[in-house]
C-alpha atoms as a PDB file:
ATOM      1  CA  MET A   1     116.489 132.138  79.936  1.00  0.00           C
ATOM      2  CA  LYS A   2     112.773 132.016  80.286  1.00  0.00           C
ATOM      3  CA  ALA A   3     112.459 128.464  79.497  1.00  0.00           C
ATOM      4  CA  ARG A   4     115.152 127.463  81.722  1.00  0.00           C
ATOM      5  CA  GLY A   5     113.597 129.456  84.818  1.00  0.00           C
ATOM      6  CA  LYS A   6     110.216 127.751  84.031  1.00  0.00           C
ATOM      7  CA  PHE A   7     111.772 124.374  83.993  1.00  0.00           C
ATOM      8  CA  LEU A   8     113.551 124.914  87.258  1.00  0.00           C
ATOM      9  CA  THR A   9     110.223 126.433  89.003  1.00  0.00           C
ATOM     10  CA  GLY A  10     108.203 123.310  87.721  1.00  0.00           C
ATOM     11  CA  SER A  11     110.996 120.932  88.989  1.00  0.00           C
ATOM     12  CA  GLY A  12     111.136 122.691  92.168  1.00  0.00           C
ATOM     13  CA  ILE A  13     107.215 122.325  92.550  1.00  0.00           C
ATOM     14  CA  ILE A  14     107.528 118.544  91.879  1.00  0.00           C
ATOM     15  CA  VAL A  15     110.134 118.039  94.193  1.00  0.00           C
ATOM     16  CA  ALA A  16     108.503 119.878  97.015  1.00  0.00           C
ATOM     17  CA  THR A  17     105.168 117.971  96.364  1.00  0.00           C
ATOM     18  CA  LEU A  18     106.878 114.656  96.498  1.00  0.00           C
ATOM     19  CA  LEU A  19     108.680 115.491  99.649  1.00  0.00           C
ATOM     20  CA  VAL A  20     105.477 116.749 101.386  1.00  0.00           C
ATOM     21  CA  LEU A  21     103.659 113.493 100.183  1.00  0.00           C
ATOM     22  CA  ALA A  22     106.521 111.321 101.475  1.00  0.00           C
ATOM     23  CA  TYR A  23     106.388 112.985 104.951  1.00  0.00           C
ATOM     24  CA  VAL A  24     102.699 112.898 105.309  1.00  0.00           C
ATOM     25  CA  GLY A  25     102.649 108.916 104.226  1.00  0.00           C
ATOM     26  CA  PHE A  26     105.563 108.447 106.722  1.00  0.00           C
ATOM     27  CA  THR A  27     103.744 110.206 109.687  1.00  0.00           C
ATOM     28  CA  GLN A  28     100.372 108.220 108.917  1.00  0.00           C
ATOM     29  CA  SER A  29     101.989 104.918 108.684  1.00  0.00           C
ATOM     30  CA  LYS A  30     103.926 105.108 111.929  1.00  0.00           C
ATOM     31  CA  THR A  31     102.578 102.681 114.528  1.00  0.00           C
ATOM     32  CA  TYR A  32     103.754 102.443 118.150  1.00  0.00           C
ATOM     33  CA  TYR A  33     103.760  98.886 120.024  1.00  0.00           C
ATOM     34  CA  HIS A  34     102.441  99.221 123.380  1.00  0.00           C
ATOM     35  CA  THR A  35     101.430  96.554 125.888  1.00  0.00           C
ATOM     36  CA  ILE A  36      98.172  96.530 127.870  1.00  0.00           C
ATOM     37  CA  SER A  37     100.081  97.505 131.160  1.00  0.00           C
ATOM     38  CA  GLU A  38     101.649 100.687 129.500  1.00  0.00           C
ATOM     39  CA  LEU A  39      98.347 102.152 128.195  1.00  0.00           C
ATOM     40  CA  PRO A  40      97.205 103.900 131.431  1.00  0.00           C
ATOM     41  CA  MET A  41     100.605 105.649 131.669  1.00  0.00           C
ATOM     42  CA  LEU A  42     100.637 106.997 128.139  1.00  0.00           C
ATOM     43  CA  SER A  43     100.581 110.955 127.929  1.00  0.00           C
ATOM     44  CA  ALA A  44      97.737 112.595 126.131  1.00  0.00           C
ATOM     45  CA  PRO A  45      99.467 113.071 122.461  1.00  0.00           C
ATOM     46  CA  ALA A  46     100.355 109.439 122.598  1.00  0.00           C
ATOM     47  CA  LEU A  47      96.788 108.297 123.118  1.00  0.00           C
ATOM     48  CA  HIS A  48      95.711 109.792 119.750  1.00  0.00           C
ATOM     49  CA  GLN A  49      98.348 108.066 117.783  1.00  0.00           C
ATOM     50  CA  ARG A  50      97.806 104.877 115.948  1.00  0.00           C
ATOM     51  CA  MET A  51      99.244 101.839 117.813  1.00  0.00           C
ATOM     52  CA  ARG A  52      99.679  98.156 118.051  1.00  0.00           C
ATOM     53  CA  VAL A  53      98.557  96.360 121.256  1.00  0.00           C
ATOM     54  CA  SER A  54      99.104  92.587 122.052  1.00  0.00           C
ATOM     55  CA  GLY A  55      97.714  89.987 124.355  1.00  0.00           C
ATOM     56  CA  ASN A  56      95.749  86.880 124.821  1.00  0.00           C
ATOM     57  CA  VAL A  57      92.080  86.656 123.793  1.00  0.00           C
ATOM     58  CA  ARG A  58      89.987  86.050 126.916  1.00  0.00           C
ATOM     59  CA  ALA A  59      87.911  82.711 126.505  1.00  0.00           C
ATOM     60  CA  GLY A  60      84.391  83.405 125.911  1.00  0.00           C
ATOM     61  CA  SER A  61      84.843  87.156 124.958  1.00  0.00           C
ATOM     62  CA  ILE A  62      84.389  86.819 121.212  1.00  0.00           C
ATOM     63  CA  SER A  63      81.068  88.309 119.984  1.00  0.00           C
ATOM     64  CA  HIS A  64      79.920  89.311 116.567  1.00  0.00           C
ATOM     65  CA  ALA A  65      78.127  92.499 116.495  1.00  0.00           C
ATOM     66  CA  ASP A  66      76.536  94.306 113.582  1.00  0.00           C
ATOM     67  CA  GLY A  67      79.469  95.492 111.548  1.00  0.00           C
ATOM     68  CA  HIS A  68      82.097  94.631 114.087  1.00  0.00           C
ATOM     69  CA  ILE A  69      83.534  91.968 116.257  1.00  0.00           C
ATOM     70  CA  ASN A  70      84.102  92.567 119.886  1.00  0.00           C
ATOM     71  CA  PHE A  71      86.568  90.711 122.190  1.00  0.00           C
ATOM     72  CA  VAL A  72      88.767  91.170 125.260  1.00  0.00           C
ATOM     73  CA  LEU A  73      92.448  91.019 125.334  1.00  0.00           C
ATOM     74  CA  GLU A  74      94.194  90.077 128.576  1.00  0.00           C
ATOM     75  CA  GLU A  75      97.978  90.618 129.614  1.00  0.00           C
ATOM     76  CA  GLN A  76      99.278  90.500 133.063  1.00  0.00           C
ATOM     77  CA  GLY A  77      96.066  90.687 134.694  1.00  0.00           C
ATOM     78  CA  LYS A  78      94.861  93.841 132.757  1.00  0.00           C
ATOM     79  CA  ASP A  79      92.078  93.816 130.333  1.00  0.00           C
ATOM     80  CA  LEU A  80      91.528  95.855 127.047  1.00  0.00           C
ATOM     81  CA  PRO A  81      88.025  95.628 125.319  1.00  0.00           C
ATOM     82  CA  VAL A  82      88.514  95.769 121.546  1.00  0.00           C
ATOM     83  CA  SER A  83      86.197  96.188 118.755  1.00  0.00           C
ATOM     84  CA  TYR A  84      87.257  95.188 115.221  1.00  0.00           C
ATOM     85  CA  VAL A  85      85.913  97.213 112.602  1.00  0.00           C
ATOM     86  CA  GLY A  86      88.389  96.068 109.779  1.00  0.00           C
ATOM     87  CA  ARG A  87      87.204  94.789 106.501  1.00  0.00           C
ATOM     88  CA  ASP A  88      89.284  91.865 106.190  1.00  0.00           C
ATOM     89  CA  PRO A  89      88.294  88.476 107.666  1.00  0.00           C
ATOM     90  CA  LEU A  90      89.851  87.515 111.018  1.00  0.00           C
ATOM     91  CA  PRO A  91      92.805  84.913 110.689  1.00  0.00           C
ATOM     92  CA  ASP A  92      91.765  81.294 111.231  1.00  0.00           C
ATOM     93  CA  THR A  93      93.978  81.093 114.344  1.00  0.00           C
ATOM     94  CA  PHE A  94      92.016  83.845 116.060  1.00  0.00           C
ATOM     95  CA  LYS A  95      90.225  82.117 118.797  1.00  0.00           C
ATOM     96  CA  ASP A  96      89.801  81.897 122.539  1.00  0.00           C
ATOM     97  CA  GLY A  97      93.187  82.102 124.376  1.00  0.00           C
ATOM     98  CA  ALA A  98      95.220  82.766 121.102  1.00  0.00           C
ATOM     99  CA  GLN A  99      97.728  85.694 121.177  1.00  0.00           C
ATOM    100  CA  ALA A 100      96.647  88.472 119.010  1.00  0.00           C
ATOM    101  CA  LEU A 101      98.045  91.708 117.787  1.00  0.00           C
ATOM    102  CA  VAL A 102      95.508  94.547 117.064  1.00  0.00           C
ATOM    103  CA  GLU A 103      96.446  97.893 115.271  1.00  0.00           C
ATOM    104  CA  GLY A 104      94.267 100.775 115.559  1.00  0.00           C
ATOM    105  CA  ARG A 105      93.349 103.584 118.048  1.00  0.00           C
ATOM    106  CA  LEU A 106      92.687 103.818 121.556  1.00  0.00           C
ATOM    107  CA  MET A 107      89.317 105.303 122.449  1.00  0.00           C
ATOM    108  CA  PRO A 108      88.804 108.027 125.246  1.00  0.00           C
ATOM    109  CA  GLN A 109      86.363 105.676 127.191  1.00  0.00           C
ATOM    110  CA  GLY A 110      89.270 102.841 127.382  1.00  0.00           C
ATOM    111  CA  GLY A 111      88.182 100.677 124.752  1.00  0.00           C
ATOM    112  CA  PHE A 112      90.307 100.058 121.531  1.00  0.00           C
ATOM    113  CA  VAL A 113      89.162 100.170 117.843  1.00  0.00           C
ATOM    114  CA  ALA A 114      91.132  97.941 115.721  1.00  0.00           C
ATOM    115  CA  GLU A 115      91.382  98.208 112.138  1.00  0.00           C
ATOM    116  CA  GLY A 116      93.730  94.983 111.859  1.00  0.00           C
ATOM    117  CA  VAL A 117      94.154  91.839 113.800  1.00  0.00           C
ATOM    118  CA  GLN A 118      96.806  89.223 113.610  1.00  0.00           C
ATOM    119  CA  ALA A 119      96.595  86.140 115.658  1.00  0.00           C
ATOM    120  CA  LYS A 120      98.566  82.879 116.348  1.00  0.00           C
ATOM    121  CA  CYS A 121      97.780  79.874 118.478  1.00  0.00           C
ATOM    122  CA  ALA A 122     100.892  79.551 120.756  1.00  0.00           C
ATOM    123  CA  SER A 123     100.402  75.763 121.164  1.00  0.00           C
ATOM    124  CA  LYS A 124     100.325  74.966 117.485  1.00  0.00           C
ATOM    125  CA  TYR A 125     103.715  76.358 116.891  1.00  0.00           C
ATOM    126  CA  GLU A 126     105.766  75.167 119.894  1.00  0.00           C
ATOM    127  CA  ALA A 127     108.530  72.619 119.314  1.00  0.00           C
ATOM    128  CA  THR A 128     107.745  69.400 121.100  1.00  0.00           C
ATOM    129  CA  PRO A 129     110.649  67.653 122.517  1.00  0.00           C
ATOM    130  CA  PRO A 130     111.429  64.138 121.334  1.00  0.00           C
ATOM    131  CA  GLY A 131     109.643  61.225 123.281  1.00  0.00           C
ATOM    132  CA  MET A 132     106.610  63.387 123.978  1.00  0.00           C
ATOM    133  CA  ALA A 133     102.953  63.114 122.636  1.00  0.00           C
ATOM    134  CA  GLY A 134     103.868  65.271 119.470  1.00  0.00           C
ATOM    135  CA  ALA A 135     106.862  62.819 118.533  1.00  0.00           C
ATOM    136  CA  LYS A 136     104.610  60.236 116.789  1.00  0.00           C
ATOM    137  CA  HIS A 137     104.729  62.278 113.865  1.00  0.00           C
ATOM    138  CA  SER A 138     108.430  62.174 113.406  1.00  0.00           C
ATOM    139  CA  ALA A 139     110.478  59.557 111.500  1.00  0.00           C
ATOM    140  CA  PRO A 140     111.777  56.546 113.268  1.00  0.00           C
ATOM    141  CA  PRO A 141     115.345  56.760 114.521  1.00  0.00           C
ATOM    142  CA  VAL A 142     118.126  55.465 112.315  1.00  0.00           C
ATOM    143  CA  ASP A 143     120.675  53.188 113.628  1.00  0.00           C
ATOM    144  CA  GLN A 144     123.816  54.928 112.775  1.00  0.00           C
ATOM    145  CA  SER A 145     126.105  51.797 113.476  1.00  0.00           C
ATOM    146  CA  THR A 146     124.681  49.851 110.393  1.00  0.00           C
ATOM    147  CA  THR A 147     124.374  52.449 107.755  1.00  0.00           C
ATOM    148  CA  GLU A 148     127.299  53.933 105.784  1.00  0.00           C
ATOM    149  CA  PRO A 149     127.357  57.636 104.964  1.00  0.00           C
ATOM    150  CA  SER A 150     126.435  58.449 101.525  1.00  0.00           C
ATOM    151  CA  VAL A 151     129.210  60.176  99.396  1.00  0.00           C
ATOM    152  CA  PRO A 152     128.197  62.563  96.484  1.00  0.00           C
ATOM    153  CA  THR A 153     129.292  61.329  93.273  1.00  0.00           C
ATOM    154  CA  SER A 154     129.031  64.656  91.332  1.00  0.00           C
ATOM    155  CA  GLY A 155     132.045  64.874  89.004  1.00  0.00           C
ATOM    156  CA  ARG A 156     134.417  62.990  91.160  1.00  0.00           C
ATOM    157  CA  LYS A 157     136.268  59.787  90.312  1.00  0.00           C
ATOM    158  CA  SER A 158     137.841  57.507  92.848  1.00  0.00           C
END
């Protein structure tokens, strides 16, 4: 009975340790999404949580400082100064006017320290209606009245 008791005690310790590690990992990886307009209305505990904030990069606001990159996000007339301190290089689409999503923590002074930045250039990914400037890259129209539809011949005999 002693061996069985030791086995159950050891198993219990291992399971408890795994549960604690899972809980700690889950709570540390949670990030809340907020808009710049919502930030002034957050309660004190929410201000200390890891969060994501999105906005457009203000033209001319990107500056490279020693060990970090500073820029300003804009959204609905509100500004958020951001300091990126992450190790990864910024995306190629990160430039003036790009939509950006920053992940990190809000500072008591009102700035934001970002550990991650994602960006996209909205104009690059918009669909262009036919007949517009971007349509020159599309294939020429096909006259449907002169072409016959192709019928697959895989395994069928007529």
